[in-house]
Amino acid sequence: MSLLRRLSFNQMTADPWSLEQTVRSCYMHGIPYIGVWRHKLDGDAAKASALIRGEGLKVSSLCRGGWFSAPTAEQRRQRIADNRLAIEE
């Protein structure tokens, strides 16, 4: 089995690039998976998904979530809501 079949490119490796640039580069170089960062989705996970799938790539991870602890109860509620949104994305 070729190791390339299991290779995933983490989008932050090419942080200045847009999601489109990163996806196209992965496709051109035969990298089958991409680790996507939420801030690069531009608030439109469906559009990003269509772009990624359109080039035949798969998503290995969606970064980043977590950060459940917070100084106030309201901030904690906001962080939990953000993590739920990450799951939906």
PDB file of N, CA and C in Angstrom:
ATOM      1  N   MET A   1       0.842  -1.188   0.000  1.00  0.00           N
ATOM      2  CA  MET A   1       0.000   0.000   0.000  1.00  0.00           C
ATOM      3  C   MET A   1       0.884   1.247   0.000  1.00  0.00           C
ATOM      4  N   SER A   2       0.586   2.159  -0.862  1.00  0.00           N
ATOM      5  CA  SER A   2       1.320   3.418  -0.937  1.00  0.00           C
ATOM      6  C   SER A   2       0.971   4.301   0.257  1.00  0.00           C
ATOM      7  N   LEU A   3       2.003   4.851   0.890  1.00  0.00           N
ATOM      8  CA  LEU A   3       1.755   5.765   2.010  1.00  0.00           C
ATOM      9  C   LEU A   3       1.044   7.026   1.563  1.00  0.00           C
ATOM     10  N   LEU A   4       1.222   7.403   0.306  1.00  0.00           N
ATOM     11  CA  LEU A   4       0.562   8.592  -0.203  1.00  0.00           C
ATOM     12  C   LEU A   4      -0.956   8.477  -0.090  1.00  0.00           C
ATOM     13  N   ARG A   5      -1.476   7.270  -0.172  1.00  0.00           N
ATOM     14  CA  ARG A   5      -2.931   7.078  -0.058  1.00  0.00           C
ATOM     15  C   ARG A   5      -3.454   7.492   1.310  1.00  0.00           C
ATOM     16  N   ARG A   6      -2.567   7.574   2.297  1.00  0.00           N
ATOM     17  CA  ARG A   6      -2.974   7.931   3.664  1.00  0.00           C
ATOM     18  C   ARG A   6      -2.524   9.331   4.062  1.00  0.00           C
ATOM     19  N   LEU A   7      -1.878  10.047   3.168  1.00  0.00           N
ATOM     20  CA  LEU A   7      -1.308  11.358   3.484  1.00  0.00           C
ATOM     21  C   LEU A   7      -2.395  12.420   3.611  1.00  0.00           C
ATOM     22  N   SER A   8      -2.268  13.245   4.641  1.00  0.00           N
ATOM     23  CA  SER A   8      -3.170  14.371   4.826  1.00  0.00           C
ATOM     24  C   SER A   8      -2.340  15.643   4.971  1.00  0.00           C
ATOM     25  N   PHE A   9      -2.755  16.678   4.294  1.00  0.00           N
ATOM     26  CA  PHE A   9      -2.083  17.973   4.353  1.00  0.00           C
ATOM     27  C   PHE A   9      -2.847  18.877   5.302  1.00  0.00           C
ATOM     28  N   ASN A  10      -2.180  19.365   6.340  1.00  0.00           N
ATOM     29  CA  ASN A  10      -2.804  20.284   7.285  1.00  0.00           C
ATOM     30  C   ASN A  10      -2.789  21.685   6.684  1.00  0.00           C
ATOM     31  N   GLN A  11      -3.939  22.273   6.566  1.00  0.00           N
ATOM     32  CA  GLN A  11      -4.099  23.556   5.892  1.00  0.00           C
ATOM     33  C   GLN A  11      -3.241  24.668   6.483  1.00  0.00           C
ATOM     34  N   MET A  12      -2.951  24.604   7.767  1.00  0.00           N
ATOM     35  CA  MET A  12      -2.138  25.656   8.386  1.00  0.00           C
ATOM     36  C   MET A  12      -0.698  25.639   7.884  1.00  0.00           C
ATOM     37  N   THR A  13      -0.290  24.544   7.258  1.00  0.00           N
ATOM     38  CA  THR A  13       1.046  24.472   6.683  1.00  0.00           C
ATOM     39  C   THR A  13       1.210  25.528   5.594  1.00  0.00           C
ATOM     40  N   ALA A  14       0.123  25.865   4.939  1.00  0.00           N
ATOM     41  CA  ALA A  14       0.131  26.890   3.891  1.00  0.00           C
ATOM     42  C   ALA A  14      -0.863  27.987   4.272  1.00  0.00           C
ATOM     43  N   ASP A  15      -0.754  28.482   5.485  1.00  0.00           N
ATOM     44  CA  ASP A  15      -1.731  29.423   6.044  1.00  0.00           C
ATOM     45  C   ASP A  15      -2.058  30.610   5.142  1.00  0.00           C
ATOM     46  N   PRO A  16      -1.096  31.216   4.445  1.00  0.00           N
ATOM     47  CA  PRO A  16      -1.473  32.368   3.617  1.00  0.00           C
ATOM     48  C   PRO A  16      -2.402  32.013   2.451  1.00  0.00           C
ATOM     49  N   TRP A  17      -2.455  30.735   2.072  1.00  0.00           N
ATOM     50  CA  TRP A  17      -3.289  30.329   0.945  1.00  0.00           C
ATOM     51  C   TRP A  17      -4.756  30.250   1.342  1.00  0.00           C
ATOM     52  N   SER A  18      -5.603  30.488   0.377  1.00  0.00           N
ATOM     53  CA  SER A  18      -7.038  30.285   0.588  1.00  0.00           C
ATOM     54  C   SER A  18      -7.323  28.789   0.597  1.00  0.00           C
ATOM     55  N   LEU A  19      -8.517  28.431   1.005  1.00  0.00           N
ATOM     56  CA  LEU A  19      -8.915  27.028   0.968  1.00  0.00           C
ATOM     57  C   LEU A  19      -8.853  26.511  -0.468  1.00  0.00           C
ATOM     58  N   GLU A  20      -9.308  27.319  -1.410  1.00  0.00           N
ATOM     59  CA  GLU A  20      -9.292  26.917  -2.813  1.00  0.00           C
ATOM     60  C   GLU A  20      -7.866  26.637  -3.295  1.00  0.00           C
ATOM     61  N   GLN A  21      -6.929  27.500  -2.971  1.00  0.00           N
ATOM     62  CA  GLN A  21      -5.538  27.275  -3.374  1.00  0.00           C
ATOM     63  C   GLN A  21      -4.987  25.983  -2.766  1.00  0.00           C
ATOM     64  N   THR A  22      -5.280  25.765  -1.509  1.00  0.00           N
ATOM     65  CA  THR A  22      -4.778  24.577  -0.824  1.00  0.00           C
ATOM     66  C   THR A  22      -5.367  23.305  -1.417  1.00  0.00           C
ATOM     67  N   VAL A  23      -6.670  23.310  -1.647  1.00  0.00           N
ATOM     68  CA  VAL A  23      -7.341  22.142  -2.217  1.00  0.00           C
ATOM     69  C   VAL A  23      -6.787  21.837  -3.600  1.00  0.00           C
ATOM     70  N   ARG A  24      -6.649  22.848  -4.420  1.00  0.00           N
ATOM     71  CA  ARG A  24      -6.139  22.623  -5.779  1.00  0.00           C
ATOM     72  C   ARG A  24      -4.709  22.093  -5.757  1.00  0.00           C
ATOM     73  N   SER A  25      -3.895  22.613  -4.852  1.00  0.00           N
ATOM     74  CA  SER A  25      -2.515  22.145  -4.752  1.00  0.00           C
ATOM     75  C   SER A  25      -2.466  20.690  -4.283  1.00  0.00           C
ATOM     76  N   CYS A  26      -3.294  20.341  -3.310  1.00  0.00           N
ATOM     77  CA  CYS A  26      -3.351  18.948  -2.857  1.00  0.00           C
ATOM     78  C   CYS A  26      -3.757  18.038  -4.008  1.00  0.00           C
ATOM     79  N   TYR A  27      -4.754  18.447  -4.746  1.00  0.00           N
ATOM     80  CA  TYR A  27      -5.203  17.651  -5.888  1.00  0.00           C
ATOM     81  C   TYR A  27      -4.068  17.471  -6.905  1.00  0.00           C
ATOM     82  N   MET A  28      -3.403  18.563  -7.243  1.00  0.00           N
ATOM     83  CA  MET A  28      -2.336  18.514  -8.253  1.00  0.00           C
ATOM     84  C   MET A  28      -1.175  17.615  -7.839  1.00  0.00           C
ATOM     85  N   HIS A  29      -0.938  17.517  -6.523  1.00  0.00           N
ATOM     86  CA  HIS A  29       0.186  16.725  -6.031  1.00  0.00           C
ATOM     87  C   HIS A  29      -0.234  15.340  -5.531  1.00  0.00           C
ATOM     88  N   GLY A  30      -1.484  14.999  -5.749  1.00  0.00           N
ATOM     89  CA  GLY A  30      -1.948  13.654  -5.405  1.00  0.00           C
ATOM     90  C   GLY A  30      -2.130  13.405  -3.923  1.00  0.00           C
ATOM     91  N   ILE A  31      -2.339  14.469  -3.152  1.00  0.00           N
ATOM     92  CA  ILE A  31      -2.575  14.319  -1.705  1.00  0.00           C
ATOM     93  C   ILE A  31      -4.076  14.122  -1.497  1.00  0.00           C
ATOM     94  N   PRO A  32      -4.495  12.984  -0.965  1.00  0.00           N
ATOM     95  CA  PRO A  32      -5.920  12.652  -0.933  1.00  0.00           C
ATOM     96  C   PRO A  32      -6.735  13.265   0.209  1.00  0.00           C
ATOM     97  N   TYR A  33      -6.076  13.704   1.276  1.00  0.00           N
ATOM     98  CA  TYR A  33      -6.796  14.231   2.440  1.00  0.00           C
ATOM     99  C   TYR A  33      -6.306  15.626   2.792  1.00  0.00           C
ATOM    100  N   ILE A  34      -7.206  16.389   3.414  1.00  0.00           N
ATOM    101  CA  ILE A  34      -6.846  17.723   3.888  1.00  0.00           C
ATOM    102  C   ILE A  34      -7.386  17.910   5.300  1.00  0.00           C
ATOM    103  N   GLY A  35      -6.565  18.488   6.157  1.00  0.00           N
ATOM    104  CA  GLY A  35      -6.981  18.894   7.495  1.00  0.00           C
ATOM    105  C   GLY A  35      -7.365  20.356   7.420  1.00  0.00           C
ATOM    106  N   VAL A  36      -8.654  20.627   7.480  1.00  0.00           N
ATOM    107  CA  VAL A  36      -9.196  21.971   7.266  1.00  0.00           C
ATOM    108  C   VAL A  36      -9.271  22.751   8.581  1.00  0.00           C
ATOM    109  N   TRP A  37      -9.060  24.045   8.489  1.00  0.00           N
ATOM    110  CA  TRP A  37      -9.200  24.933   9.647  1.00  0.00           C
ATOM    111  C   TRP A  37     -10.468  25.756   9.492  1.00  0.00           C
ATOM    112  N   ARG A  38     -11.227  25.855  10.554  1.00  0.00           N
ATOM    113  CA  ARG A  38     -12.555  26.485  10.522  1.00  0.00           C
ATOM    114  C   ARG A  38     -12.523  27.923  10.029  1.00  0.00           C
ATOM    115  N   HIS A  39     -11.515  28.683  10.409  1.00  0.00           N
ATOM    116  CA  HIS A  39     -11.509  30.088   9.997  1.00  0.00           C
ATOM    117  C   HIS A  39     -11.316  30.237   8.484  1.00  0.00           C
ATOM    118  N   LYS A  40     -10.891  29.177   7.806  1.00  0.00           N
ATOM    119  CA  LYS A  40     -10.724  29.214   6.352  1.00  0.00           C
ATOM    120  C   LYS A  40     -12.020  28.854   5.617  1.00  0.00           C
ATOM    121  N   LEU A  41     -13.043  28.443   6.347  1.00  0.00           N
ATOM    122  CA  LEU A  41     -14.320  28.098   5.730  1.00  0.00           C
ATOM    123  C   LEU A  41     -15.120  29.338   5.333  1.00  0.00           C
ATOM    124  N   ASP A  42     -14.739  30.474   5.846  1.00  0.00           N
ATOM    125  CA  ASP A  42     -15.444  31.733   5.580  1.00  0.00           C
ATOM    126  C   ASP A  42     -16.927  31.634   5.910  1.00  0.00           C
ATOM    127  N   GLY A  43     -17.241  30.845   6.945  1.00  0.00           N
ATOM    128  CA  GLY A  43     -18.623  30.735   7.398  1.00  0.00           C
ATOM    129  C   GLY A  43     -19.522  29.905   6.502  1.00  0.00           C
ATOM    130  N   ASP A  44     -18.953  29.214   5.522  1.00  0.00           N
ATOM    131  CA  ASP A  44     -19.775  28.440   4.598  1.00  0.00           C
ATOM    132  C   ASP A  44     -19.201  27.037   4.438  1.00  0.00           C
ATOM    133  N   ALA A  45     -19.522  26.174   5.391  1.00  0.00           N
ATOM    134  CA  ALA A  45     -19.004  24.801   5.381  1.00  0.00           C
ATOM    135  C   ALA A  45     -19.509  24.020   4.177  1.00  0.00           C
ATOM    136  N   ALA A  46     -20.730  24.278   3.731  1.00  0.00           N
ATOM    137  CA  ALA A  46     -21.285  23.554   2.583  1.00  0.00           C
ATOM    138  C   ALA A  46     -20.502  23.878   1.313  1.00  0.00           C
ATOM    139  N   LYS A  47     -20.172  25.139   1.121  1.00  0.00           N
ATOM    140  CA  LYS A  47     -19.387  25.548  -0.055  1.00  0.00           C
ATOM    141  C   LYS A  47     -17.989  24.926   0.003  1.00  0.00           C
ATOM    142  N   ALA A  48     -17.375  24.947   1.177  1.00  0.00           N
ATOM    143  CA  ALA A  48     -16.043  24.359   1.342  1.00  0.00           C
ATOM    144  C   ALA A  48     -16.085  22.862   1.072  1.00  0.00           C
ATOM    145  N   SER A  49     -17.115  22.194   1.564  1.00  0.00           N
ATOM    146  CA  SER A  49     -17.265  20.763   1.341  1.00  0.00           C
ATOM    147  C   SER A  49     -17.394  20.451  -0.143  1.00  0.00           C
ATOM    148  N   ALA A  50     -18.187  21.240  -0.852  1.00  0.00           N
ATOM    149  CA  ALA A  50     -18.365  21.038  -2.292  1.00  0.00           C
ATOM    150  C   ALA A  50     -17.040  21.228  -3.029  1.00  0.00           C
ATOM    151  N   LEU A  51     -16.267  22.220  -2.636  1.00  0.00           N
ATOM    152  CA  LEU A  51     -14.963  22.469  -3.246  1.00  0.00           C
ATOM    153  C   LEU A  51     -14.029  21.277  -3.026  1.00  0.00           C
ATOM    154  N   ILE A  52     -13.968  20.810  -1.800  1.00  0.00           N
ATOM    155  CA  ILE A  52     -13.076  19.697  -1.445  1.00  0.00           C
ATOM    156  C   ILE A  52     -13.496  18.419  -2.172  1.00  0.00           C
ATOM    157  N   ARG A  53     -14.752  18.097  -2.105  1.00  0.00           N
ATOM    158  CA  ARG A  53     -15.253  16.887  -2.765  1.00  0.00           C
ATOM    159  C   ARG A  53     -15.155  16.986  -4.281  1.00  0.00           C
ATOM    160  N   GLY A  54     -15.327  18.199  -4.794  1.00  0.00           N
ATOM    161  CA  GLY A  54     -15.240  18.414  -6.235  1.00  0.00           C
ATOM    162  C   GLY A  54     -13.864  18.086  -6.799  1.00  0.00           C
ATOM    163  N   GLU A  55     -12.845  18.199  -5.984  1.00  0.00           N
ATOM    164  CA  GLU A  55     -11.479  17.856  -6.405  1.00  0.00           C
ATOM    165  C   GLU A  55     -11.117  16.430  -6.016  1.00  0.00           C
ATOM    166  N   GLY A  56     -12.085  15.701  -5.434  1.00  0.00           N
ATOM    167  CA  GLY A  56     -11.852  14.304  -5.082  1.00  0.00           C
ATOM    168  C   GLY A  56     -11.111  14.105  -3.769  1.00  0.00           C
ATOM    169  N   LEU A  57     -10.976  15.163  -2.969  1.00  0.00           N
ATOM    170  CA  LEU A  57     -10.293  15.055  -1.684  1.00  0.00           C
ATOM    171  C   LEU A  57     -11.290  14.687  -0.594  1.00  0.00           C
ATOM    172  N   LYS A  58     -10.746  14.237   0.533  1.00  0.00           N
ATOM    173  CA  LYS A  58     -11.533  13.953   1.734  1.00  0.00           C
ATOM    174  C   LYS A  58     -10.956  14.761   2.887  1.00  0.00           C
ATOM    175  N   VAL A  59     -11.788  15.035   3.869  1.00  0.00           N
ATOM    176  CA  VAL A  59     -11.359  15.791   5.046  1.00  0.00           C
ATOM    177  C   VAL A  59     -10.908  14.825   6.131  1.00  0.00           C
ATOM    178  N   SER A  60      -9.679  15.004   6.591  1.00  0.00           N
ATOM    179  CA  SER A  60      -9.159  14.153   7.663  1.00  0.00           C
ATOM    180  C   SER A  60      -9.461  14.735   9.037  1.00  0.00           C
ATOM    181  N   SER A  61      -9.603  16.051   9.093  1.00  0.00           N
ATOM    182  CA  SER A  61      -9.894  16.708  10.377  1.00  0.00           C
ATOM    183  C   SER A  61     -10.414  18.107  10.115  1.00  0.00           C
ATOM    184  N   LEU A  62     -11.128  18.625  11.105  1.00  0.00           N
ATOM    185  CA  LEU A  62     -11.582  20.013  11.086  1.00  0.00           C
ATOM    186  C   LEU A  62     -11.078  20.644  12.371  1.00  0.00           C
ATOM    187  N   CYS A  63     -10.203  21.606  12.239  1.00  0.00           N
ATOM    188  CA  CYS A  63      -9.580  22.241  13.395  1.00  0.00           C
ATOM    189  C   CYS A  63     -10.193  23.620  13.589  1.00  0.00           C
ATOM    190  N   ARG A  64     -10.512  24.090  14.530  1.00  0.00           N
ATOM    191  CA  ARG A  64     -10.255  23.681  15.838  1.00  0.00           C
ATOM    192  C   ARG A  64     -11.428  23.935  16.725  1.00  0.00           C
ATOM    193  N   GLY A  65     -11.556  23.110  17.691  1.00  0.00           N
ATOM    194  CA  GLY A  65     -12.610  23.206  18.688  1.00  0.00           C
ATOM    195  C   GLY A  65     -11.953  23.115  20.054  1.00  0.00           C
ATOM    196  N   GLY A  66     -12.753  22.844  21.013  1.00  0.00           N
ATOM    197  CA  GLY A  66     -12.211  22.717  22.361  1.00  0.00           C
ATOM    198  C   GLY A  66     -12.397  23.982  23.153  1.00  0.00           C
ATOM    199  N   TRP A  67     -11.443  24.235  24.023  1.00  0.00           N
ATOM    200  CA  TRP A  67     -11.467  25.431  24.872  1.00  0.00           C
ATOM    201  C   TRP A  67     -12.785  25.555  25.623  1.00  0.00           C
ATOM    202  N   PHE A  68     -13.104  24.528  26.401  1.00  0.00           N
ATOM    203  CA  PHE A  68     -14.354  24.543  27.153  1.00  0.00           C
ATOM    204  C   PHE A  68     -14.291  25.408  28.402  1.00  0.00           C
ATOM    205  N   SER A  69     -13.124  25.521  28.996  1.00  0.00           N
ATOM    206  CA  SER A  69     -13.038  26.320  30.219  1.00  0.00           C
ATOM    207  C   SER A  69     -13.057  27.807  29.862  1.00  0.00           C
ATOM    208  N   ALA A  70     -13.608  28.600  30.775  1.00  0.00           N
ATOM    209  CA  ALA A  70     -13.711  30.043  30.547  1.00  0.00           C
ATOM    210  C   ALA A  70     -13.860  30.740  31.898  1.00  0.00           C
ATOM    211  N   PRO A  71     -13.504  32.009  31.934  1.00  0.00           N
ATOM    212  CA  PRO A  71     -13.580  32.746  33.194  1.00  0.00           C
ATOM    213  C   PRO A  71     -15.011  32.960  33.711  1.00  0.00           C
ATOM    214  N   THR A  72     -15.992  33.026  32.797  1.00  0.00           N
ATOM    215  CA  THR A  72     -17.372  33.268  33.232  1.00  0.00           C
ATOM    216  C   THR A  72     -18.298  32.195  32.660  1.00  0.00           C
ATOM    217  N   ALA A  73     -19.451  32.077  33.278  1.00  0.00           N
ATOM    218  CA  ALA A  73     -20.439  31.101  32.810  1.00  0.00           C
ATOM    219  C   ALA A  73     -20.915  31.435  31.400  1.00  0.00           C
ATOM    220  N   GLU A  74     -21.078  32.704  31.093  1.00  0.00           N
ATOM    221  CA  GLU A  74     -21.526  33.107  29.756  1.00  0.00           C
ATOM    222  C   GLU A  74     -20.478  32.767  28.703  1.00  0.00           C
ATOM    223  N   GLN A  75     -19.225  33.018  29.001  1.00  0.00           N
ATOM    224  CA  GLN A  75     -18.167  32.672  28.050  1.00  0.00           C
ATOM    225  C   GLN A  75     -18.101  31.158  27.846  1.00  0.00           C
ATOM    226  N   ARG A  76     -18.321  30.408  28.902  1.00  0.00           N
ATOM    227  CA  ARG A  76     -18.334  28.945  28.774  1.00  0.00           C
ATOM    228  C   ARG A  76     -19.485  28.506  27.871  1.00  0.00           C
ATOM    229  N   ARG A  77     -20.668  29.094  28.044  1.00  0.00           N
ATOM    230  CA  ARG A  77     -21.812  28.773  27.183  1.00  0.00           C
ATOM    231  C   ARG A  77     -21.480  29.089  25.717  1.00  0.00           C
ATOM    232  N   GLN A  78     -20.812  30.223  25.472  1.00  0.00           N
ATOM    233  CA  GLN A  78     -20.437  30.596  24.108  1.00  0.00           C
ATOM    234  C   GLN A  78     -19.456  29.591  23.513  1.00  0.00           C
ATOM    235  N   ARG A  79     -18.522  29.129  24.306  1.00  0.00           N
ATOM    236  CA  ARG A  79     -17.541  28.158  23.814  1.00  0.00           C
ATOM    237  C   ARG A  79     -18.188  26.812  23.513  1.00  0.00           C
ATOM    238  N   ILE A  80     -19.132  26.424  24.350  1.00  0.00           N
ATOM    239  CA  ILE A  80     -19.857  25.177  24.101  1.00  0.00           C
ATOM    240  C   ILE A  80     -20.660  25.306  22.807  1.00  0.00           C
ATOM    241  N   ALA A  81     -21.315  26.450  22.610  1.00  0.00           N
ATOM    242  CA  ALA A  81     -22.077  26.678  21.382  1.00  0.00           C
ATOM    243  C   ALA A  81     -21.160  26.641  20.163  1.00  0.00           C
ATOM    244  N   ASP A  82     -19.977  27.215  20.281  1.00  0.00           N
ATOM    245  CA  ASP A  82     -19.026  27.196  19.172  1.00  0.00           C
ATOM    246  C   ASP A  82     -18.575  25.785  18.852  1.00  0.00           C
ATOM    247  N   ASN A  83     -18.370  24.974  19.877  1.00  0.00           N
ATOM    248  CA  ASN A  83     -17.978  23.570  19.658  1.00  0.00           C
ATOM    249  C   ASN A  83     -19.119  22.793  18.995  1.00  0.00           C
ATOM    250  N   ARG A  84     -20.323  23.077  19.346  1.00  0.00           N
ATOM    251  CA  ARG A  84     -21.461  22.416  18.689  1.00  0.00           C
ATOM    252  C   ARG A  84     -21.525  22.803  17.208  1.00  0.00           C
ATOM    253  N   LEU A  85     -21.237  24.068  16.921  1.00  0.00           N
ATOM    254  CA  LEU A  85     -21.185  24.510  15.530  1.00  0.00           C
ATOM    255  C   LEU A  85     -20.072  23.792  14.777  1.00  0.00           C
ATOM    256  N   ALA A  86     -18.935  23.597  15.430  1.00  0.00           N
ATOM    257  CA  ALA A  86     -17.816  22.868  14.790  1.00  0.00           C
ATOM    258  C   ALA A  86     -18.235  21.452  14.433  1.00  0.00           C
ATOM    259  N   ILE A  87     -19.016  20.822  15.293  1.00  0.00           N
ATOM    260  CA  ILE A  87     -19.496  19.461  15.013  1.00  0.00           C
ATOM    261  C   ILE A  87     -20.408  19.476  13.790  1.00  0.00           C
ATOM    262  N   GLU A  88     -21.280  20.457  13.703  1.00  0.00           N
ATOM    263  CA  GLU A  88     -22.170  20.561  12.555  1.00  0.00           C
ATOM    264  C   GLU A  88     -21.388  20.815  11.265  1.00  0.00           C
ATOM    265  N   GLU A  89     -20.362  21.659  11.362  1.00  0.00           N
ATOM    266  CA  GLU A  89     -19.535  21.948  10.181  1.00  0.00           C
ATOM    267  C   GLU A  89     -18.838  20.700   9.698  1.00  0.00           C
TER     268      GLU A  89
END
